[in-house]
Amino acid sequence: VVHQSARTPAVAREDINRDGQVNILDAFALARAVQAGGQPASPDLNGDSVVDRRDADHIAVQAVKLEKGGRS
């Protein structure tokens, strides 16, 4: 029997650095991994079957988006 407290907390796919927050640092981490070459182990966030700079851009847009009701 697995107790609720023993489970690993869910982590957002966009949380590349696994610090519990989705922010611009995740976009930077993915962009650096992509720039270093190869296929990063990160998820394909925009659904185009490739992990690339566009996935980092997807995180950046989400990270800077204002909450509903916020001022622009």
N, C-alpha and C. Protein backbone atom coordinates (compact mmCIF):
# COMPACT_ATOMS: atom_id res chain seq x y z
N VAL A 1 0.85 -1.18 0.00
CA VAL A 1 0.00 0.00 0.00
C VAL A 1 0.89 1.24 0.00
N VAL A 2 0.62 2.15 -0.93
CA VAL A 2 1.38 3.40 -1.02
C VAL A 2 0.57 4.50 -0.38
N HIS A 3 1.16 5.16 0.58
CA HIS A 3 0.49 6.28 1.25
C HIS A 3 0.67 7.55 0.43
N GLN A 4 -0.30 8.41 0.49
CA GLN A 4 -0.29 9.67 -0.28
C GLN A 4 1.01 10.44 -0.03
N SER A 5 1.47 10.51 1.22
CA SER A 5 2.66 11.29 1.53
C SER A 5 3.93 10.66 0.97
N ALA A 6 3.89 9.36 0.62
CA ALA A 6 5.07 8.69 0.09
C ALA A 6 5.20 8.88 -1.42
N ARG A 7 4.22 9.39 -2.07
CA ARG A 7 4.27 9.58 -3.52
C ARG A 7 5.13 10.78 -3.88
N THR A 8 5.76 10.70 -5.02
CA THR A 8 6.54 11.81 -5.53
C THR A 8 5.56 12.87 -6.06
N PRO A 9 5.74 14.13 -5.67
CA PRO A 9 4.82 15.16 -6.16
C PRO A 9 4.91 15.31 -7.68
N ALA A 10 3.78 15.65 -8.28
CA ALA A 10 3.73 15.85 -9.73
C ALA A 10 4.57 17.07 -10.10
N VAL A 11 5.27 16.95 -11.21
CA VAL A 11 6.10 18.04 -11.71
C VAL A 11 5.61 18.39 -13.11
N ALA A 12 5.44 19.66 -13.38
CA ALA A 12 4.99 20.11 -14.70
C ALA A 12 6.04 19.74 -15.75
N ARG A 13 5.56 19.34 -16.93
CA ARG A 13 6.48 19.01 -18.03
C ARG A 13 7.41 20.17 -18.36
N GLU A 14 6.91 21.38 -18.20
CA GLU A 14 7.68 22.57 -18.54
C GLU A 14 8.74 22.91 -17.49
N ASP A 15 8.70 22.25 -16.33
CA ASP A 15 9.66 22.51 -15.25
C ASP A 15 10.95 21.75 -15.55
N ILE A 16 11.73 22.26 -16.48
CA ILE A 16 12.92 21.60 -16.99
C ILE A 16 13.97 21.41 -15.90
N ASN A 17 14.16 22.39 -15.04
CA ASN A 17 15.17 22.28 -13.99
C ASN A 17 14.64 21.66 -12.70
N ARG A 18 13.39 21.25 -12.69
CA ARG A 18 12.76 20.52 -11.58
C ARG A 18 12.88 21.23 -10.23
N ASP A 19 12.66 22.56 -10.25
CA ASP A 19 12.70 23.31 -9.00
C ASP A 19 11.31 23.60 -8.45
N GLY A 20 10.27 23.03 -9.08
CA GLY A 20 8.91 23.21 -8.59
C GLY A 20 8.21 24.43 -9.16
N GLN A 21 8.88 25.17 -10.04
CA GLN A 21 8.30 26.37 -10.64
C GLN A 21 8.55 26.34 -12.15
N VAL A 22 7.59 26.83 -12.90
CA VAL A 22 7.80 27.01 -14.34
C VAL A 22 8.05 28.50 -14.55
N ASN A 23 9.27 28.81 -14.95
CA ASN A 23 9.63 30.21 -15.15
C ASN A 23 10.66 30.33 -16.26
N ILE A 24 11.16 31.53 -16.44
CA ILE A 24 12.08 31.80 -17.55
C ILE A 24 13.36 30.99 -17.42
N LEU A 25 13.73 30.58 -16.22
CA LEU A 25 14.93 29.76 -16.04
C LEU A 25 14.78 28.40 -16.73
N ASP A 26 13.56 27.89 -16.78
CA ASP A 26 13.32 26.64 -17.49
C ASP A 26 13.51 26.83 -18.99
N ALA A 27 13.05 27.96 -19.51
CA ALA A 27 13.24 28.26 -20.93
C ALA A 27 14.73 28.38 -21.25
N PHE A 28 15.48 29.05 -20.39
CA PHE A 28 16.92 29.17 -20.60
C PHE A 28 17.61 27.82 -20.56
N ALA A 29 17.23 26.97 -19.60
CA ALA A 29 17.84 25.64 -19.47
C ALA A 29 17.61 24.81 -20.73
N LEU A 30 16.39 24.83 -21.24
CA LEU A 30 16.10 24.07 -22.45
C LEU A 30 16.81 24.66 -23.66
N ALA A 31 16.85 25.98 -23.76
CA ALA A 31 17.54 26.63 -24.88
C ALA A 31 19.02 26.28 -24.88
N ARG A 32 19.64 26.25 -23.71
CA ARG A 32 21.06 25.88 -23.62
C ARG A 32 21.27 24.43 -24.04
N ALA A 33 20.38 23.55 -23.60
CA ALA A 33 20.50 22.13 -23.97
C ALA A 33 20.36 21.94 -25.47
N VAL A 34 19.43 22.66 -26.07
CA VAL A 34 19.24 22.58 -27.53
C VAL A 34 20.46 23.12 -28.25
N GLN A 35 20.98 24.26 -27.78
CA GLN A 35 22.13 24.88 -28.42
C GLN A 35 23.38 24.00 -28.30
N ALA A 36 23.48 23.22 -27.24
CA ALA A 36 24.63 22.34 -27.04
C ALA A 36 24.66 21.21 -28.06
N GLY A 37 23.53 20.99 -28.72
CA GLY A 37 23.48 19.97 -29.76
C GLY A 37 22.82 18.70 -29.27
N GLY A 38 22.49 17.85 -30.22
CA GLY A 38 21.85 16.61 -29.86
C GLY A 38 20.37 16.80 -29.57
N GLN A 39 19.73 15.75 -29.14
CA GLN A 39 18.31 15.77 -28.83
C GLN A 39 18.16 15.78 -27.31
N PRO A 40 17.79 16.91 -26.70
CA PRO A 40 17.63 16.95 -25.25
C PRO A 40 16.57 15.95 -24.78
N ALA A 41 16.72 15.49 -23.56
CA ALA A 41 15.78 14.53 -22.97
C ALA A 41 14.49 15.21 -22.52
N SER A 42 14.33 16.48 -22.83
CA SER A 42 13.14 17.23 -22.45
C SER A 42 11.96 16.84 -23.33
N PRO A 43 10.74 17.06 -22.82
CA PRO A 43 9.55 16.72 -23.62
C PRO A 43 9.33 17.70 -24.78
N ASP A 44 8.67 17.19 -25.80
CA ASP A 44 8.25 18.02 -26.94
C ASP A 44 7.02 18.80 -26.48
N LEU A 45 7.20 20.05 -26.15
CA LEU A 45 6.14 20.85 -25.54
C LEU A 45 5.16 21.45 -26.53
N ASN A 46 5.58 21.67 -27.76
CA ASN A 46 4.67 22.29 -28.73
C ASN A 46 4.07 21.28 -29.70
N GLY A 47 4.37 20.00 -29.54
CA GLY A 47 3.71 18.96 -30.32
C GLY A 47 4.15 18.81 -31.76
N ASP A 48 5.36 19.27 -32.10
CA ASP A 48 5.81 19.14 -33.49
C ASP A 48 6.76 17.96 -33.68
N SER A 49 6.86 17.09 -32.69
CA SER A 49 7.69 15.87 -32.72
C SER A 49 9.19 16.13 -32.70
N VAL A 50 9.60 17.36 -32.37
CA VAL A 50 11.02 17.71 -32.28
C VAL A 50 11.20 18.55 -31.02
N VAL A 51 12.26 18.28 -30.27
CA VAL A 51 12.60 19.15 -29.14
C VAL A 51 13.63 20.14 -29.66
N ASP A 52 13.23 21.41 -29.73
CA ASP A 52 14.10 22.44 -30.27
C ASP A 52 13.82 23.78 -29.62
N ARG A 53 14.39 24.82 -30.20
CA ARG A 53 14.27 26.18 -29.64
C ARG A 53 12.80 26.61 -29.51
N ARG A 54 11.93 26.11 -30.38
CA ARG A 54 10.51 26.47 -30.30
C ARG A 54 9.88 25.96 -29.01
N ASP A 55 10.38 24.86 -28.47
CA ASP A 55 9.89 24.36 -27.19
C ASP A 55 10.34 25.30 -26.06
N ALA A 56 11.56 25.80 -26.14
CA ALA A 56 12.04 26.78 -25.17
C ALA A 56 11.21 28.06 -25.26
N ASP A 57 10.88 28.47 -26.48
CA ASP A 57 10.04 29.65 -26.67
C ASP A 57 8.65 29.44 -26.06
N HIS A 58 8.14 28.22 -26.18
CA HIS A 58 6.83 27.88 -25.59
C HIS A 58 6.86 28.09 -24.08
N ILE A 59 7.93 27.65 -23.43
CA ILE A 59 8.07 27.84 -21.98
C ILE A 59 8.17 29.32 -21.65
N ALA A 60 8.96 30.05 -22.42
CA ALA A 60 9.16 31.48 -22.16
C ALA A 60 7.84 32.23 -22.23
N VAL A 61 7.03 31.93 -23.23
CA VAL A 61 5.73 32.60 -23.37
C VAL A 61 4.85 32.29 -22.15
N GLN A 62 4.83 31.03 -21.74
CA GLN A 62 4.03 30.66 -20.57
C GLN A 62 4.56 31.33 -19.30
N ALA A 63 5.85 31.46 -19.18
CA ALA A 63 6.47 32.02 -17.99
C ALA A 63 6.18 33.51 -17.81
N VAL A 64 6.03 34.24 -18.91
CA VAL A 64 5.83 35.68 -18.81
C VAL A 64 4.39 36.11 -19.02
N LYS A 65 3.52 35.14 -19.26
CA LYS A 65 2.11 35.45 -19.48
C LYS A 65 1.49 35.99 -18.19
N LEU A 66 0.74 37.07 -18.31
CA LEU A 66 0.04 37.63 -17.15
C LEU A 66 -1.15 36.78 -16.79
N GLU A 67 -1.41 36.67 -15.52
CA GLU A 67 -2.61 35.98 -15.05
C GLU A 67 -3.84 36.74 -15.52
N LYS A 68 -4.98 36.03 -15.68
CA LYS A 68 -6.21 36.70 -16.04
C LYS A 68 -6.54 37.74 -14.98
N GLY A 69 -6.94 38.90 -15.44
CA GLY A 69 -7.28 39.97 -14.52
C GLY A 69 -6.08 40.85 -14.19
N GLY A 70 -4.90 40.45 -14.65
CA GLY A 70 -3.71 41.24 -14.38
C GLY A 70 -3.65 42.47 -15.27
N ARG A 71 -2.82 43.38 -14.91
CA ARG A 71 -2.65 44.59 -15.72
C ARG A 71 -1.63 44.34 -16.80
N SER A 72 -1.79 45.02 -17.93
CA SER A 72 -0.81 44.89 -19.01
C SER A 72 -0.04 46.16 -19.18
